[in-house]
Protein backbone atom coordinates (compact mmCIF):
# COMPACT_ATOMS: atom_id res chain seq x y z
CA MET A 1 30.87 27.52 106.20
CA ALA A 2 32.54 30.41 104.44
CA LEU A 3 30.16 33.22 103.51
CA GLY A 4 31.65 35.25 100.66
CA ALA A 5 34.99 35.54 98.89
CA THR A 6 36.86 37.11 101.81
CA ALA A 7 35.80 34.30 104.15
CA ILE A 8 36.69 31.68 101.52
CA ARG A 9 40.19 33.12 101.21
CA SER A 10 40.58 33.32 104.99
CA VAL A 11 39.45 29.76 105.70
CA ASN A 12 41.05 28.17 102.62
CA GLY A 13 44.31 30.07 102.85
CA LYS A 14 44.28 30.96 99.16
CA PRO A 15 41.98 32.82 96.78
CA LEU A 16 39.14 30.79 95.31
CA THR A 17 36.17 32.22 93.46
CA ILE A 18 32.68 31.67 94.75
CA ALA A 19 31.70 30.32 91.33
CA LYS A 20 34.29 27.52 91.63
CA ALA A 21 33.77 26.80 95.31
CA ARG A 22 30.05 27.18 95.84
CA GLY A 23 27.88 24.19 96.60
CA ARG A 24 30.52 21.57 97.30
CA LEU A 25 32.66 20.34 100.15
CA ILE A 26 36.25 21.55 99.89
CA ALA A 27 39.04 19.70 101.66
CA LEU A 28 41.25 21.88 103.84
CA VAL A 29 44.93 21.34 104.59
CA ASN A 30 44.15 20.71 108.28
CA GLY A 31 41.96 17.74 107.36
CA GLY A 32 38.67 19.58 107.78
CA GLN A 33 36.16 20.53 105.16
CA MET A 34 34.64 23.81 104.10
CA VAL A 35 31.40 24.70 102.37
CA ALA A 36 31.48 28.00 100.52
CA THR A 37 28.56 30.16 99.48
CA VAL A 38 27.63 33.77 98.89
CA HIS A 39 27.42 36.28 101.70
CA PRO A 40 23.77 36.83 102.75
CA SER A 41 24.04 40.55 101.97
CA TYR A 42 24.54 39.60 98.32
CA LEU A 43 21.03 38.13 98.29
CA LEU A 44 19.58 41.40 99.57
CA ARG A 45 21.17 43.37 96.72
CA ILE A 46 19.78 41.28 93.82
CA PRO A 47 17.23 43.49 92.05
CA ASP A 48 15.53 40.83 89.91
CA ARG A 49 12.94 38.88 91.92
CA ALA A 50 13.31 35.65 89.95
CA ASP A 51 17.09 35.73 90.24
CA LYS A 52 16.83 36.56 93.95
CA ARG A 53 14.55 33.57 94.49
CA ALA A 54 16.88 31.26 92.54
CA GLN A 55 19.96 32.47 94.43
CA TYR A 56 18.15 32.07 97.75
CA LYS A 57 17.33 28.45 96.90
CA LEU A 58 21.00 27.82 96.09
CA PHE A 59 21.98 29.49 99.37
CA VAL A 60 19.65 27.18 101.33
CA ARG A 61 21.05 24.18 99.44
CA ASP A 62 24.57 25.26 100.41
CA LEU A 63 23.58 25.62 104.07
CA LYS A 64 22.10 22.13 104.07
CA LEU A 65 25.49 20.73 103.00
CA CYS A 66 26.81 21.70 106.43
CA ASN A 67 24.23 19.48 108.07
CA ALA A 68 24.93 16.46 105.87
């Protein structure tokens, strides 16, 4: 699980946007897999309640991919 763009770049070894990586399993060069999502602090900074709720649901969905 990579939480945020910096973690994605660190784990993946190359830059990859959250928009492209989020919500899917990404194959790594070492044979492992990574799930990428937003950093939890991003959720705290969303001012719009409806958007915050929607982003939280996506965050939970992303976390569940790790358990699949």
